[in-house]
Amino acid sequence: MPNNSDFLPSAPGQRLVLFVAFPGMCMLDMAGPQTVFWCADRVMQERGRPGYARHTVSLEGGPVPTLEGVPMLTEALSAFDTAGVDTIVVPGAPNIEQVLVHAQPLVDWLRAAAASARRTTSVCSGAFVLAQAGLLDGKRAATHWALSDRLKELHPTVEIDREAIFIRQGGTWTSAGVTAGIDLALALVEADCGRDVALAVARELVMFVKRPGGHAQFSALLESQLSDGDRFEELHLWLADNLASAGLTVEALAARALMSPRNFSRVYKETTGRTPAKAVEMFRLEAARRMLEDSSRNIDQIARDCGFGDEGRMRQCFQRNLSVSPSAYREQRGSAA
């Protein structure tokens, strides 16, 4: 794992990135962004451009135990002049509230450092640390979907976005759980170095796709897998591949599941918590959201490709479930449009 910066001398023009460690942090929260910035620095050097000086820091320096039991070597915060810091990355921990009980000096440092750093960012429950430092007051923020309610309870002035992979609010960036830190780091690299460098990094790291910030944390397909085990798994995989079909009726789905329509409707509702018709709608909605975020296809074409038939029906679905039109959704969250 690209880690510690005792061996990373700064070069002229490099951006200084501090990865803030504390006992019990999730190692992947830290290692994911570290690897992205390491790779971006290499790509930039190959192009003859300054990249990133990366330092892993903690209050006192030395080895810091992670959640997984692997210590991470760090430098002391006192070794750095915060006036020269470009980006601060704060990871999360499952027991972040317990961590914060003993972390007031770290919170105080973060509050002061954020005033001069260009960007302050968090991964997963690291948002709790930023909120404790007062950096999220009155701002939108993302965290792990399972911790959203608790963050809102502790910090009522923070507007929690339970859907987004990451959110930018001026110089403050927050991301959803664990691997979303990689998406966040890629977005930071793109903002600094351009889309071509970010995509080069994504290819180097063999990432399936560079997700935009508005990409949903929790997919309809994943939710169906969690709720019904493998009972309707084959049906859902087939459904995801055939959304453009106009014949996704209860009768067609029941036949696919080798059940009578009446029994299928009853068992499906009992198993998944939604009707077959609602399931089809949610699968189509998710597919449309993904296309609006990631492609430049026109809205009417997306409506047809996702099985809505026309833009009007898709607009009704978006208003009913998201209280926003497809065009407004693309404006808010789209990356390619």
C-alpha atoms as a PDB file:
ATOM      1  CA  MET A   1       0.000   0.000   0.000  1.00  0.00           C
ATOM      2  CA  PRO A   2       1.421   3.413  -0.921  1.00  0.00           C
ATOM      3  CA  ASN A   3       1.717   4.899   2.523  1.00  0.00           C
ATOM      4  CA  ASN A   4       4.065   6.939   4.335  1.00  0.00           C
ATOM      5  CA  SER A   5       5.616   9.938   3.391  1.00  0.00           C
ATOM      6  CA  ASP A   6       8.861   9.829   5.299  1.00  0.00           C
ATOM      7  CA  PHE A   7      10.208   8.864   1.865  1.00  0.00           C
ATOM      8  CA  LEU A   8       8.284  11.444  -0.161  1.00  0.00           C
ATOM      9  CA  PRO A   9      10.250  14.696  -0.488  1.00  0.00           C
ATOM     10  CA  SER A  10       8.247  17.556  -1.893  1.00  0.00           C
ATOM     11  CA  ALA A  11       9.042  18.893  -5.343  1.00  0.00           C
ATOM     12  CA  PRO A  12       8.374  22.434  -6.598  1.00  0.00           C
ATOM     13  CA  GLY A  13       4.734  22.990  -7.415  1.00  0.00           C
ATOM     14  CA  GLN A  14       3.456  19.818  -5.744  1.00  0.00           C
ATOM     15  CA  ARG A  15       0.191  20.024  -3.830  1.00  0.00           C
ATOM     16  CA  LEU A  16       0.554  18.974  -0.189  1.00  0.00           C
ATOM     17  CA  VAL A  17      -2.030  16.375   0.882  1.00  0.00           C
ATOM     18  CA  LEU A  18      -2.338  15.324   4.533  1.00  0.00           C
ATOM     19  CA  PHE A  19      -4.080  12.058   5.393  1.00  0.00           C
ATOM     20  CA  VAL A  20      -5.159  12.328   9.017  1.00  0.00           C
ATOM     21  CA  ALA A  21      -4.902   9.073  10.979  1.00  0.00           C
ATOM     22  CA  PHE A  22      -6.403   8.170  14.362  1.00  0.00           C
ATOM     23  CA  PRO A  23      -6.720   4.887  16.288  1.00  0.00           C
ATOM     24  CA  GLY A  24      -9.487   2.605  15.040  1.00  0.00           C
ATOM     25  CA  MET A  25      -9.872   4.228  11.626  1.00  0.00           C
ATOM     26  CA  CYS A  26     -10.946   2.096   8.679  1.00  0.00           C
ATOM     27  CA  MET A  27      -7.818   1.283   6.682  1.00  0.00           C
ATOM     28  CA  LEU A  28      -9.572   1.307   3.301  1.00  0.00           C
ATOM     29  CA  ASP A  29     -10.971   4.793   4.006  1.00  0.00           C
ATOM     30  CA  MET A  30      -7.358   5.914   4.092  1.00  0.00           C
ATOM     31  CA  ALA A  31      -5.664   3.536   1.656  1.00  0.00           C
ATOM     32  CA  GLY A  32      -8.161   4.120  -1.169  1.00  0.00           C
ATOM     33  CA  PRO A  33      -7.569   7.882  -1.467  1.00  0.00           C
ATOM     34  CA  GLN A  34      -3.849   7.426  -0.756  1.00  0.00           C
ATOM     35  CA  THR A  35      -3.529   5.076  -3.725  1.00  0.00           C
ATOM     36  CA  VAL A  36      -5.467   7.428  -6.011  1.00  0.00           C
ATOM     37  CA  PHE A  37      -3.203  10.370  -5.152  1.00  0.00           C
ATOM     38  CA  TRP A  38      -0.096   8.190  -5.440  1.00  0.00           C
ATOM     39  CA  CYS A  39      -1.157   7.077  -8.908  1.00  0.00           C
ATOM     40  CA  ALA A  40      -2.130  10.621  -9.927  1.00  0.00           C
ATOM     41  CA  ASP A  41       1.273  11.882  -8.828  1.00  0.00           C
ATOM     42  CA  ARG A  42       2.949   9.259 -10.999  1.00  0.00           C
ATOM     43  CA  VAL A  43       0.791  10.136 -14.016  1.00  0.00           C
ATOM     44  CA  MET A  44       1.536  13.826 -13.558  1.00  0.00           C
ATOM     45  CA  GLN A  45       5.285  13.202 -13.279  1.00  0.00           C
ATOM     46  CA  GLU A  46       5.186  11.167 -16.498  1.00  0.00           C
ATOM     47  CA  ARG A  47       3.618  14.207 -18.162  1.00  0.00           C
ATOM     48  CA  GLY A  48       6.225  16.553 -16.771  1.00  0.00           C
ATOM     49  CA  ARG A  49       3.811  18.290 -14.416  1.00  0.00           C
ATOM     50  CA  PRO A  50       3.901  18.656 -10.618  1.00  0.00           C
ATOM     51  CA  GLY A  51       1.638  16.253  -8.753  1.00  0.00           C
ATOM     52  CA  TYR A  52       1.143  15.591  -5.054  1.00  0.00           C
ATOM     53  CA  ALA A  53       3.311  15.419  -1.933  1.00  0.00           C
ATOM     54  CA  ARG A  54       1.495  12.944   0.306  1.00  0.00           C
ATOM     55  CA  HIS A  55       1.921  12.678   4.083  1.00  0.00           C
ATOM     56  CA  THR A  56       0.132  10.457   6.573  1.00  0.00           C
ATOM     57  CA  VAL A  57      -0.154  12.330   9.872  1.00  0.00           C
ATOM     58  CA  SER A  58      -1.492  11.945  13.402  1.00  0.00           C
ATOM     59  CA  LEU A  59      -1.421  13.984  16.574  1.00  0.00           C
ATOM     60  CA  GLU A  60       1.827  12.547  17.903  1.00  0.00           C
ATOM     61  CA  GLY A  61       3.213  10.612  14.955  1.00  0.00           C
ATOM     62  CA  GLY A  62       4.413   7.035  15.006  1.00  0.00           C
ATOM     63  CA  PRO A  63       2.405   3.871  14.312  1.00  0.00           C
ATOM     64  CA  VAL A  64      -1.385   4.235  14.551  1.00  0.00           C
ATOM     65  CA  PRO A  65      -3.539   1.080  14.843  1.00  0.00           C
ATOM     66  CA  THR A  66      -6.304   0.698  12.277  1.00  0.00           C
ATOM     67  CA  LEU A  67      -9.639  -1.049  12.633  1.00  0.00           C
ATOM     68  CA  GLU A  68      -8.218  -4.053  10.794  1.00  0.00           C
ATOM     69  CA  GLY A  69      -5.279  -4.331  13.182  1.00  0.00           C
ATOM     70  CA  VAL A  70      -2.633  -3.184  10.699  1.00  0.00           C
ATOM     71  CA  PRO A  71      -0.647  -0.219  12.079  1.00  0.00           C
ATOM     72  CA  MET A  72      -0.075   2.769   9.828  1.00  0.00           C
ATOM     73  CA  LEU A  73       3.133   4.758  10.197  1.00  0.00           C
ATOM     74  CA  THR A  74       2.509   8.492  10.579  1.00  0.00           C
ATOM     75  CA  GLU A  75       4.245  11.810  11.072  1.00  0.00           C
ATOM     76  CA  ALA A  76       3.327  14.312  13.782  1.00  0.00           C
ATOM     77  CA  LEU A  77       0.929  17.107  12.829  1.00  0.00           C
ATOM     78  CA  SER A  78       3.317  19.579  14.422  1.00  0.00           C
ATOM     79  CA  ALA A  79       5.800  18.918  11.610  1.00  0.00           C
ATOM     80  CA  PHE A  80       3.601  20.769   9.124  1.00  0.00           C
ATOM     81  CA  ASP A  81       2.737  24.396   8.646  1.00  0.00           C
ATOM     82  CA  THR A  82      -0.987  24.336   7.906  1.00  0.00           C
ATOM     83  CA  ALA A  83      -0.626  27.429   5.741  1.00  0.00           C
ATOM     84  CA  GLY A  84       1.031  25.253   3.105  1.00  0.00           C
ATOM     85  CA  VAL A  85      -1.556  22.457   3.119  1.00  0.00           C
ATOM     86  CA  ASP A  86      -3.611  21.990  -0.030  1.00  0.00           C
ATOM     87  CA  THR A  87      -5.921  19.085   0.901  1.00  0.00           C
ATOM     88  CA  ILE A  88      -6.822  17.340   4.163  1.00  0.00           C
ATOM     89  CA  VAL A  89      -8.357  13.858   4.060  1.00  0.00           C
ATOM     90  CA  VAL A  90     -10.124  12.524   7.166  1.00  0.00           C
ATOM     91  CA  PRO A  91     -11.119   8.829   7.208  1.00  0.00           C
ATOM     92  CA  GLY A  92     -13.924   7.260   9.203  1.00  0.00           C
ATOM     93  CA  ALA A  93     -14.385   4.538  11.794  1.00  0.00           C
ATOM     94  CA  PRO A  94     -17.379   2.362  12.719  1.00  0.00           C
ATOM     95  CA  ASN A  95     -17.203   3.604  16.323  1.00  0.00           C
ATOM     96  CA  ILE A  96     -16.603   7.208  15.343  1.00  0.00           C
ATOM     97  CA  GLU A  97     -18.574   8.604  18.302  1.00  0.00           C
ATOM     98  CA  GLN A  98     -16.299   6.793  20.745  1.00  0.00           C
ATOM     99  CA  VAL A  99     -13.279   8.030  18.820  1.00  0.00           C
ATOM    100  CA  LEU A 100     -14.495  11.620  19.103  1.00  0.00           C
ATOM    101  CA  VAL A 101     -14.783  11.371  22.886  1.00  0.00           C
ATOM    102  CA  HIS A 102     -10.984  11.308  23.034  1.00  0.00           C
ATOM    103  CA  ALA A 103     -10.209  13.314  19.923  1.00  0.00           C
ATOM    104  CA  GLN A 104     -10.825  16.935  20.898  1.00  0.00           C
ATOM    105  CA  PRO A 105      -7.202  17.982  20.193  1.00  0.00           C
ATOM    106  CA  LEU A 106      -7.533  16.507  16.692  1.00  0.00           C
ATOM    107  CA  VAL A 107     -10.853  18.291  16.170  1.00  0.00           C
ATOM    108  CA  ASP A 108      -9.298  21.565  17.291  1.00  0.00           C
ATOM    109  CA  TRP A 109      -6.371  21.098  14.892  1.00  0.00           C
ATOM    110  CA  LEU A 110      -8.741  20.313  12.038  1.00  0.00           C
ATOM    111  CA  ARG A 111     -10.823  23.412  12.696  1.00  0.00           C
ATOM    112  CA  ALA A 112      -7.737  25.609  12.598  1.00  0.00           C
ATOM    113  CA  ALA A 113      -6.117  23.843   9.629  1.00  0.00           C
ATOM    114  CA  ALA A 114      -9.289  23.975   7.539  1.00  0.00           C
ATOM    115  CA  ALA A 115      -9.246  27.762   7.748  1.00  0.00           C
ATOM    116  CA  SER A 116      -6.093  27.897   5.616  1.00  0.00           C
ATOM    117  CA  ALA A 117      -6.213  24.636   3.631  1.00  0.00           C
ATOM    118  CA  ARG A 118      -7.733  24.828   0.158  1.00  0.00           C
ATOM    119  CA  ARG A 119      -9.837  21.721   0.726  1.00  0.00           C
ATOM    120  CA  THR A 120     -10.964  19.671   3.705  1.00  0.00           C
ATOM    121  CA  THR A 121     -12.470  16.292   2.919  1.00  0.00           C
ATOM    122  CA  SER A 122     -13.899  13.269   4.687  1.00  0.00           C
ATOM    123  CA  VAL A 123     -14.539   9.639   3.855  1.00  0.00           C
ATOM    124  CA  CYS A 124     -17.490   7.744   5.332  1.00  0.00           C
ATOM    125  CA  SER A 125     -17.992   8.605   9.027  1.00  0.00           C
ATOM    126  CA  GLY A 126     -15.103  11.051   8.842  1.00  0.00           C
ATOM    127  CA  ALA A 127     -17.958  13.502   8.226  1.00  0.00           C
ATOM    128  CA  PHE A 128     -18.641  13.288  11.979  1.00  0.00           C
ATOM    129  CA  VAL A 129     -15.162  14.704  12.635  1.00  0.00           C
ATOM    130  CA  LEU A 130     -15.745  17.573  10.190  1.00  0.00           C
ATOM    131  CA  ALA A 131     -19.148  18.241  11.749  1.00  0.00           C
ATOM    132  CA  GLN A 132     -17.660  18.231  15.258  1.00  0.00           C
ATOM    133  CA  ALA A 133     -15.202  20.858  14.059  1.00  0.00           C
ATOM    134  CA  GLY A 134     -18.088  22.997  12.799  1.00  0.00           C
ATOM    135  CA  LEU A 135     -17.070  22.625   9.161  1.00  0.00           C
ATOM    136  CA  LEU A 136     -20.422  21.260   7.978  1.00  0.00           C
ATOM    137  CA  ASP A 137     -22.783  23.754   9.641  1.00  0.00           C
ATOM    138  CA  GLY A 138     -25.460  24.747   7.146  1.00  0.00           C
ATOM    139  CA  LYS A 139     -23.932  22.606   4.396  1.00  0.00           C
ATOM    140  CA  ARG A 140     -24.953  19.508   2.468  1.00  0.00           C
ATOM    141  CA  ALA A 141     -22.914  16.448   3.341  1.00  0.00           C
ATOM    142  CA  ALA A 142     -22.615  12.750   2.619  1.00  0.00           C
ATOM    143  CA  THR A 143     -21.677   9.892   4.898  1.00  0.00           C
ATOM    144  CA  HIS A 144     -22.300   6.165   5.042  1.00  0.00           C
ATOM    145  CA  TRP A 145     -26.017   5.540   4.408  1.00  0.00           C
ATOM    146  CA  ALA A 146     -26.341   3.629   7.700  1.00  0.00           C
ATOM    147  CA  LEU A 147     -25.020   6.611   9.693  1.00  0.00           C
ATOM    148  CA  SER A 148     -26.978   9.406   8.013  1.00  0.00           C
ATOM    149  CA  ASP A 149     -29.721   9.614  10.626  1.00  0.00           C
ATOM    150  CA  ARG A 150     -27.240   9.657  13.483  1.00  0.00           C
ATOM    151  CA  LEU A 151     -25.181  12.438  11.906  1.00  0.00           C
ATOM    152  CA  LYS A 152     -28.361  14.478  11.455  1.00  0.00           C
ATOM    153  CA  GLU A 153     -29.368  13.793  15.057  1.00  0.00           C
ATOM    154  CA  LEU A 154     -26.034  14.986  16.424  1.00  0.00           C
ATOM    155  CA  HIS A 155     -25.695  17.936  14.015  1.00  0.00           C
ATOM    156  CA  PRO A 156     -29.165  19.185  13.012  1.00  0.00           C
ATOM    157  CA  THR A 157     -27.834  22.071  10.908  1.00  0.00           C
ATOM    158  CA  VAL A 158     -26.137  19.682   8.481  1.00  0.00           C
ATOM    159  CA  GLU A 159     -28.228  18.798   5.416  1.00  0.00           C
ATOM    160  CA  ILE A 160     -27.647  15.089   4.853  1.00  0.00           C
ATOM    161  CA  ASP A 161     -27.776  13.760   1.304  1.00  0.00           C
ATOM    162  CA  ARG A 162     -28.478  10.059   1.759  1.00  0.00           C
ATOM    163  CA  GLU A 163     -28.052   9.300  -1.945  1.00  0.00           C
ATOM    164  CA  ALA A 164     -24.842  10.922  -3.069  1.00  0.00           C
ATOM    165  CA  ILE A 165     -21.476   9.177  -3.376  1.00  0.00           C
ATOM    166  CA  PHE A 166     -19.727  12.469  -2.623  1.00  0.00           C
ATOM    167  CA  ILE A 167     -20.667  16.126  -2.245  1.00  0.00           C
ATOM    168  CA  ARG A 168     -18.704  19.308  -2.784  1.00  0.00           C
ATOM    169  CA  GLN A 169     -19.633  22.415  -0.816  1.00  0.00           C
ATOM    170  CA  GLY A 170     -17.041  25.038  -1.611  1.00  0.00           C
ATOM    171  CA  GLY A 171     -13.772  23.849  -0.099  1.00  0.00           C
ATOM    172  CA  THR A 172     -15.460  21.108   1.896  1.00  0.00           C
ATOM    173  CA  TRP A 173     -15.954  17.672   0.334  1.00  0.00           C
ATOM    174  CA  THR A 174     -17.627  14.680   1.985  1.00  0.00           C
ATOM    175  CA  SER A 175     -18.151  11.159   0.704  1.00  0.00           C
ATOM    176  CA  ALA A 176     -20.237   8.105   1.455  1.00  0.00           C
ATOM    177  CA  GLY A 177     -18.921   4.868   2.916  1.00  0.00           C
ATOM    178  CA  VAL A 178     -15.538   3.235   2.479  1.00  0.00           C
ATOM    179  CA  THR A 179     -14.928   2.694  -1.277  1.00  0.00           C
ATOM    180  CA  ALA A 180     -16.671   6.002  -2.043  1.00  0.00           C
ATOM    181  CA  GLY A 181     -13.441   7.575  -0.808  1.00  0.00           C
ATOM    182  CA  ILE A 182     -11.858   6.383  -4.054  1.00  0.00           C
ATOM    183  CA  ASP A 183     -14.551   8.166  -6.058  1.00  0.00           C
ATOM    184  CA  LEU A 184     -13.997  11.278  -3.950  1.00  0.00           C
ATOM    185  CA  ALA A 185     -10.240  11.176  -4.505  1.00  0.00           C
ATOM    186  CA  LEU A 186     -10.704  10.743  -8.264  1.00  0.00           C
ATOM    187  CA  ALA A 187     -12.993  13.778  -8.285  1.00  0.00           C
ATOM    188  CA  LEU A 188     -10.372  15.799  -6.407  1.00  0.00           C
ATOM    189  CA  VAL A 189      -7.733  14.716  -8.916  1.00  0.00           C
ATOM    190  CA  GLU A 190     -10.027  15.624 -11.803  1.00  0.00           C
ATOM    191  CA  ALA A 191     -10.618  19.079 -10.315  1.00  0.00           C
ATOM    192  CA  ASP A 192      -6.850  19.605 -10.007  1.00  0.00           C
ATOM    193  CA  CYS A 193      -5.407  17.864 -13.028  1.00  0.00           C
ATOM    194  CA  GLY A 194      -8.209  17.422 -15.537  1.00  0.00           C
ATOM    195  CA  ARG A 195     -10.506  14.625 -16.607  1.00  0.00           C
ATOM    196  CA  ASP A 196      -7.862  12.888 -18.721  1.00  0.00           C
ATOM    197  CA  VAL A 197      -5.601  12.381 -15.702  1.00  0.00           C
ATOM    198  CA  ALA A 198      -8.485  11.158 -13.531  1.00  0.00           C
ATOM    199  CA  LEU A 199      -9.488   8.645 -16.198  1.00  0.00           C
ATOM    200  CA  ALA A 200      -5.874   7.521 -16.570  1.00  0.00           C
ATOM    201  CA  VAL A 201      -5.789   6.883 -12.818  1.00  0.00           C
ATOM    202  CA  ALA A 202      -9.091   5.016 -12.955  1.00  0.00           C
ATOM    203  CA  ARG A 203      -7.743   2.805 -15.736  1.00  0.00           C
ATOM    204  CA  GLU A 204      -4.508   2.191 -13.831  1.00  0.00           C
ATOM    205  CA  LEU A 205      -6.489   1.105 -10.761  1.00  0.00           C
ATOM    206  CA  VAL A 206      -8.746  -1.121 -12.900  1.00  0.00           C
ATOM    207  CA  MET A 207     -11.862   0.686 -11.746  1.00  0.00           C
ATOM    208  CA  PHE A 208     -15.029  -0.404 -13.546  1.00  0.00           C
ATOM    209  CA  VAL A 209     -16.317   3.162 -13.828  1.00  0.00           C
ATOM    210  CA  LYS A 210     -15.554   6.592 -12.404  1.00  0.00           C
ATOM    211  CA  ARG A 211     -18.820   7.342 -10.631  1.00  0.00           C
ATOM    212  CA  PRO A 212     -20.122  10.922 -10.459  1.00  0.00           C
ATOM    213  CA  GLY A 213     -20.980  12.375  -7.068  1.00  0.00           C
ATOM    214  CA  GLY A 214     -24.721  12.047  -7.507  1.00  0.00           C
ATOM    215  CA  HIS A 215     -24.599   8.325  -8.191  1.00  0.00           C
ATOM    216  CA  ALA A 216     -26.861   6.521  -5.711  1.00  0.00           C
ATOM    217  CA  GLN A 217     -25.179   4.759  -2.778  1.00  0.00           C
ATOM    218  CA  PHE A 218     -27.729   1.941  -2.703  1.00  0.00           C
ATOM    219  CA  SER A 219     -28.999   0.356  -5.903  1.00  0.00           C
ATOM    220  CA  ALA A 220     -32.383  -1.220  -6.543  1.00  0.00           C
ATOM    221  CA  LEU A 221     -30.692  -4.460  -7.592  1.00  0.00           C
ATOM    222  CA  LEU A 222     -28.580  -4.588  -4.421  1.00  0.00           C
ATOM    223  CA  GLU A 223     -31.604  -3.784  -2.285  1.00  0.00           C
ATOM    224  CA  SER A 224     -33.545  -6.601  -3.926  1.00  0.00           C
ATOM    225  CA  GLN A 225     -30.682  -9.019  -3.279  1.00  0.00           C
ATOM    226  CA  LEU A 226     -30.570  -8.055   0.380  1.00  0.00           C
ATOM    227  CA  SER A 227     -34.320  -8.329   0.846  1.00  0.00           C
ATOM    228  CA  ASP A 228     -35.058 -11.584  -0.949  1.00  0.00           C
ATOM    229  CA  GLY A 229     -31.835 -13.570  -0.864  1.00  0.00           C
ATOM    230  CA  ASP A 230     -31.638 -15.562  -4.083  1.00  0.00           C
ATOM    231  CA  ARG A 231     -35.333 -16.327  -4.532  1.00  0.00           C
ATOM    232  CA  PHE A 232     -35.850 -13.776  -7.306  1.00  0.00           C
ATOM    233  CA  GLU A 233     -32.201 -13.114  -8.146  1.00  0.00           C
ATOM    234  CA  GLU A 234     -32.401 -14.590 -11.647  1.00  0.00           C
ATOM    235  CA  LEU A 235     -35.600 -12.660 -12.322  1.00  0.00           C
ATOM    236  CA  HIS A 236     -34.042  -9.375 -11.196  1.00  0.00           C
ATOM    237  CA  LEU A 237     -30.922  -9.882 -13.303  1.00  0.00           C
ATOM    238  CA  TRP A 238     -33.114 -10.611 -16.324  1.00  0.00           C
ATOM    239  CA  LEU A 239     -35.289  -7.599 -15.515  1.00  0.00           C
ATOM    240  CA  ALA A 240     -32.271  -5.287 -15.364  1.00  0.00           C
ATOM    241  CA  ASP A 241     -31.286  -6.430 -18.869  1.00  0.00           C
ATOM    242  CA  ASN A 242     -34.769  -6.043 -20.370  1.00  0.00           C
ATOM    243  CA  LEU A 243     -36.071  -2.727 -19.044  1.00  0.00           C
ATOM    244  CA  ALA A 244     -36.755  -1.379 -22.531  1.00  0.00           C
ATOM    245  CA  SER A 245     -39.403  -4.032 -23.088  1.00  0.00           C
ATOM    246  CA  ALA A 246     -42.998  -2.822 -22.959  1.00  0.00           C
ATOM    247  CA  GLY A 247     -44.153  -6.281 -21.897  1.00  0.00           C
ATOM    248  CA  LEU A 248     -42.946  -6.332 -18.293  1.00  0.00           C
ATOM    249  CA  THR A 249     -46.377  -7.198 -16.933  1.00  0.00           C
ATOM    250  CA  VAL A 250     -47.154  -9.216 -13.830  1.00  0.00           C
ATOM    251  CA  GLU A 251     -48.082 -12.106 -16.103  1.00  0.00           C
ATOM    252  CA  ALA A 252     -44.739 -11.936 -17.934  1.00  0.00           C
ATOM    253  CA  LEU A 253     -42.742 -11.736 -14.707  1.00  0.00           C
ATOM    254  CA  ALA A 254     -44.757 -14.567 -13.162  1.00  0.00           C
ATOM    255  CA  ALA A 255     -44.119 -16.758 -16.188  1.00  0.00           C
ATOM    256  CA  ARG A 256     -40.418 -15.970 -15.913  1.00  0.00           C
ATOM    257  CA  ALA A 257     -40.508 -17.017 -12.239  1.00  0.00           C
ATOM    258  CA  LEU A 258     -42.504 -20.167 -13.108  1.00  0.00           C
ATOM    259  CA  MET A 259     -45.420 -19.110 -10.911  1.00  0.00           C
ATOM    260  CA  SER A 260     -49.041 -18.201 -11.428  1.00  0.00           C
ATOM    261  CA  PRO A 261     -49.665 -14.432 -11.610  1.00  0.00           C
ATOM    262  CA  ARG A 262     -51.718 -14.414  -8.413  1.00  0.00           C
ATOM    263  CA  ASN A 263     -49.231 -16.451  -6.388  1.00  0.00           C
ATOM    264  CA  PHE A 264     -46.278 -14.519  -7.823  1.00  0.00           C
ATOM    265  CA  SER A 265     -47.790 -11.156  -6.858  1.00  0.00           C
ATOM    266  CA  ARG A 266     -48.462 -12.343  -3.309  1.00  0.00           C
ATOM    267  CA  VAL A 267     -45.096 -14.000  -2.736  1.00  0.00           C
ATOM    268  CA  TYR A 268     -43.154 -11.172  -4.387  1.00  0.00           C
ATOM    269  CA  LYS A 269     -44.803  -8.534  -2.184  1.00  0.00           C
ATOM    270  CA  GLU A 270     -44.242 -10.614   0.963  1.00  0.00           C
ATOM    271  CA  THR A 271     -40.603 -11.233   0.052  1.00  0.00           C
ATOM    272  CA  THR A 272     -39.458  -7.854  -1.254  1.00  0.00           C
ATOM    273  CA  GLY A 273     -41.906  -5.451   0.377  1.00  0.00           C
ATOM    274  CA  ARG A 274     -43.078  -3.991  -2.924  1.00  0.00           C
ATOM    275  CA  THR A 275     -45.379  -4.980  -5.746  1.00  0.00           C
ATOM    276  CA  PRO A 276     -43.969  -6.303  -9.037  1.00  0.00           C
ATOM    277  CA  ALA A 277     -45.133  -3.125 -10.792  1.00  0.00           C
ATOM    278  CA  LYS A 278     -43.334  -0.940  -8.252  1.00  0.00           C
ATOM    279  CA  ALA A 279     -40.189  -3.040  -8.634  1.00  0.00           C
ATOM    280  CA  VAL A 280     -40.190  -2.527 -12.403  1.00  0.00           C
ATOM    281  CA  GLU A 281     -40.652   1.204 -11.850  1.00  0.00           C
ATOM    282  CA  MET A 282     -37.714   1.381  -9.417  1.00  0.00           C
ATOM    283  CA  PHE A 283     -35.425  -0.581 -11.738  1.00  0.00           C
ATOM    284  CA  ARG A 284     -36.332   1.747 -14.596  1.00  0.00           C
ATOM    285  CA  LEU A 285     -35.870   4.810 -12.414  1.00  0.00           C
ATOM    286  CA  GLU A 286     -32.403   3.713 -11.355  1.00  0.00           C
ATOM    287  CA  ALA A 287     -31.382   2.972 -14.943  1.00  0.00           C
ATOM    288  CA  ALA A 288     -32.635   6.386 -16.059  1.00  0.00           C
ATOM    289  CA  ARG A 289     -30.766   8.135 -13.258  1.00  0.00           C
ATOM    290  CA  ARG A 290     -27.562   6.387 -14.239  1.00  0.00           C
ATOM    291  CA  MET A 291     -27.966   7.396 -17.890  1.00  0.00           C
ATOM    292  CA  LEU A 292     -28.729  10.993 -16.958  1.00  0.00           C
ATOM    293  CA  GLU A 293     -25.607  11.093 -14.806  1.00  0.00           C
ATOM    294  CA  ASP A 294     -23.212   9.293 -17.100  1.00  0.00           C
ATOM    295  CA  SER A 295     -24.332   9.850 -20.695  1.00  0.00           C
ATOM    296  CA  SER A 296     -25.213  12.677 -23.051  1.00  0.00           C
ATOM    297  CA  ARG A 297     -28.214  10.931 -24.604  1.00  0.00           C
ATOM    298  CA  ASN A 298     -31.302  13.116 -24.846  1.00  0.00           C
ATOM    299  CA  ILE A 299     -34.022  12.626 -22.272  1.00  0.00           C
ATOM    300  CA  ASP A 300     -36.604  11.214 -24.664  1.00  0.00           C
ATOM    301  CA  GLN A 301     -34.125   8.562 -25.833  1.00  0.00           C
ATOM    302  CA  ILE A 302     -33.338   7.642 -22.236  1.00  0.00           C
ATOM    303  CA  ALA A 303     -37.071   7.316 -21.527  1.00  0.00           C
ATOM    304  CA  ARG A 304     -37.417   4.848 -24.394  1.00  0.00           C
ATOM    305  CA  ASP A 305     -34.259   2.926 -23.490  1.00  0.00           C
ATOM    306  CA  CYS A 306     -35.471   2.470 -19.911  1.00  0.00           C
ATOM    307  CA  GLY A 307     -38.964   1.369 -20.900  1.00  0.00           C
ATOM    308  CA  PHE A 308     -40.940   4.455 -19.891  1.00  0.00           C
ATOM    309  CA  GLY A 309     -42.155   4.882 -23.457  1.00  0.00           C
ATOM    310  CA  ASP A 310     -41.833   8.658 -23.574  1.00  0.00           C
ATOM    311  CA  GLU A 311     -40.426  11.582 -21.664  1.00  0.00           C
ATOM    312  CA  GLY A 312     -43.776  12.454 -20.077  1.00  0.00           C
ATOM    313  CA  ARG A 313     -44.117   9.110 -18.299  1.00  0.00           C
ATOM    314  CA  MET A 314     -40.523   9.260 -17.120  1.00  0.00           C
ATOM    315  CA  ARG A 315     -41.077  12.775 -15.810  1.00  0.00           C
ATOM    316  CA  GLN A 316     -44.078  11.581 -13.794  1.00  0.00           C
ATOM    317  CA  CYS A 317     -41.985   8.783 -12.300  1.00  0.00           C
ATOM    318  CA  PHE A 318     -39.183  11.186 -11.319  1.00  0.00           C
ATOM    319  CA  GLN A 319     -41.623  13.644  -9.761  1.00  0.00           C
ATOM    320  CA  ARG A 320     -43.396  10.865  -7.872  1.00  0.00           C
ATOM    321  CA  ASN A 321     -40.232   9.313  -6.436  1.00  0.00           C
ATOM    322  CA  LEU A 322     -37.630  12.095  -6.389  1.00  0.00           C
ATOM    323  CA  SER A 323     -39.707  15.301  -6.547  1.00  0.00           C
ATOM    324  CA  VAL A 324     -37.593  16.543  -9.442  1.00  0.00           C
ATOM    325  CA  SER A 325     -37.825  16.434 -13.230  1.00  0.00           C
ATOM    326  CA  PRO A 326     -35.332  14.415 -15.315  1.00  0.00           C
ATOM    327  CA  SER A 327     -33.874  17.605 -16.785  1.00  0.00           C
ATOM    328  CA  ALA A 328     -33.416  19.139 -13.336  1.00  0.00           C
ATOM    329  CA  TYR A 329     -31.884  15.893 -12.078  1.00  0.00           C
ATOM    330  CA  ARG A 330     -29.367  15.925 -14.928  1.00  0.00           C
ATOM    331  CA  GLU A 331     -28.536  19.576 -14.243  1.00  0.00           C
ATOM    332  CA  GLN A 332     -27.920  18.833 -10.564  1.00  0.00           C
ATOM    333  CA  ARG A 333     -26.033  15.569 -10.871  1.00  0.00           C
ATOM    334  CA  GLY A 334     -25.058  14.868 -14.459  1.00  0.00           C
ATOM    335  CA  SER A 335     -21.372  14.728 -15.345  1.00  0.00           C
ATOM    336  CA  ALA A 336     -21.490  14.094 -19.076  1.00  0.00           C
ATOM    337  CA  ALA A 337     -24.466  16.134 -20.215  1.00  0.00           C
END
